[in-house]
Amino acid sequence: MKKFSKFWIKSKKPSKQRKYRKNAPLHLVSKLMNVHLSKDLKAPNHFIH
């Protein structure tokens, strides 16, 4: 299998996006799967049980 390329150029095809995420090392997967939280969830009195 080819080496993983960190310099991926975006693709419109979902299959290529899934393939890139599947073959990515763990330290890059966490960067790809991040998301911004809403203000409600960022509130200090919000607890997740």
C-alpha atoms as a PDB file:
ATOM      1  CA  MET A   1       0.000   0.000   0.000  1.00  0.00           C
ATOM      2  CA  LYS A   2       1.139   3.537  -0.702  1.00  0.00           C
ATOM      3  CA  LYS A   3       2.381   5.754   2.106  1.00  0.00           C
ATOM      4  CA  PHE A   4      -0.177   8.076   3.635  1.00  0.00           C
ATOM      5  CA  SER A   5      -0.007  11.636   2.283  1.00  0.00           C
ATOM      6  CA  LYS A   6      -0.529  14.493   4.748  1.00  0.00           C
ATOM      7  CA  PHE A   7      -0.917  16.907   1.850  1.00  0.00           C
ATOM      8  CA  TRP A   8      -4.309  15.758   0.673  1.00  0.00           C
ATOM      9  CA  ILE A   9      -6.138  17.910  -1.849  1.00  0.00           C
ATOM     10  CA  LYS A  10      -9.851  17.947  -1.171  1.00  0.00           C
ATOM     11  CA  SER A  11     -12.186  15.843  -3.231  1.00  0.00           C
ATOM     12  CA  LYS A  12     -15.902  16.217  -3.905  1.00  0.00           C
ATOM     13  CA  LYS A  13     -16.363  12.457  -3.988  1.00  0.00           C
ATOM     14  CA  PRO A  14     -17.494  11.099  -0.597  1.00  0.00           C
ATOM     15  CA  SER A  15     -15.882   7.729  -1.288  1.00  0.00           C
ATOM     16  CA  LYS A  16     -12.450   9.347  -1.581  1.00  0.00           C
ATOM     17  CA  GLN A  17     -13.066  11.350   1.604  1.00  0.00           C
ATOM     18  CA  ARG A  18     -13.981   8.160   3.494  1.00  0.00           C
ATOM     19  CA  LYS A  19     -10.923   6.394   2.094  1.00  0.00           C
ATOM     20  CA  TYR A  20      -8.661   9.239   3.242  1.00  0.00           C
ATOM     21  CA  ARG A  21     -10.116   9.191   6.768  1.00  0.00           C
ATOM     22  CA  LYS A  22      -9.925   5.391   6.952  1.00  0.00           C
ATOM     23  CA  ASN A  23      -6.233   5.324   6.032  1.00  0.00           C
ATOM     24  CA  ALA A  24      -5.243   8.367   8.080  1.00  0.00           C
ATOM     25  CA  PRO A  25      -3.022   7.979  11.168  1.00  0.00           C
ATOM     26  CA  LEU A  26      -4.708   8.600  14.527  1.00  0.00           C
ATOM     27  CA  HIS A  27      -3.051  11.954  15.143  1.00  0.00           C
ATOM     28  CA  LEU A  28      -4.657  13.291  11.941  1.00  0.00           C
ATOM     29  CA  VAL A  29      -8.040  11.600  12.416  1.00  0.00           C
ATOM     30  CA  SER A  30      -8.651  13.648  15.559  1.00  0.00           C
ATOM     31  CA  LYS A  31      -7.981  16.840  13.603  1.00  0.00           C
ATOM     32  CA  LEU A  32     -10.361  15.779  10.842  1.00  0.00           C
ATOM     33  CA  MET A  33     -13.177  14.867  13.226  1.00  0.00           C
ATOM     34  CA  ASN A  34     -13.281  18.034  15.323  1.00  0.00           C
ATOM     35  CA  VAL A  35     -16.364  20.241  15.606  1.00  0.00           C
ATOM     36  CA  HIS A  36     -17.299  23.559  17.210  1.00  0.00           C
ATOM     37  CA  LEU A  37     -19.670  23.395  20.174  1.00  0.00           C
ATOM     38  CA  SER A  38     -22.669  25.655  20.553  1.00  0.00           C
ATOM     39  CA  LYS A  39     -22.662  28.321  23.269  1.00  0.00           C
ATOM     40  CA  ASP A  40     -25.161  26.262  25.272  1.00  0.00           C
ATOM     41  CA  LEU A  41     -22.821  23.303  25.428  1.00  0.00           C
ATOM     42  CA  LYS A  42     -19.827  25.488  26.280  1.00  0.00           C
ATOM     43  CA  ALA A  43     -21.629  26.959  29.299  1.00  0.00           C
ATOM     44  CA  PRO A  44     -19.848  26.167  32.579  1.00  0.00           C
ATOM     45  CA  ASN A  45     -23.047  24.836  34.199  1.00  0.00           C
ATOM     46  CA  HIS A  46     -23.581  22.215  31.469  1.00  0.00           C
ATOM     47  CA  PHE A  47     -22.579  18.721  32.616  1.00  0.00           C
ATOM     48  CA  ILE A  48     -22.518  15.538  30.579  1.00  0.00           C
ATOM     49  CA  HIS A  49     -23.425  12.461  32.624  1.00  0.00           C
END
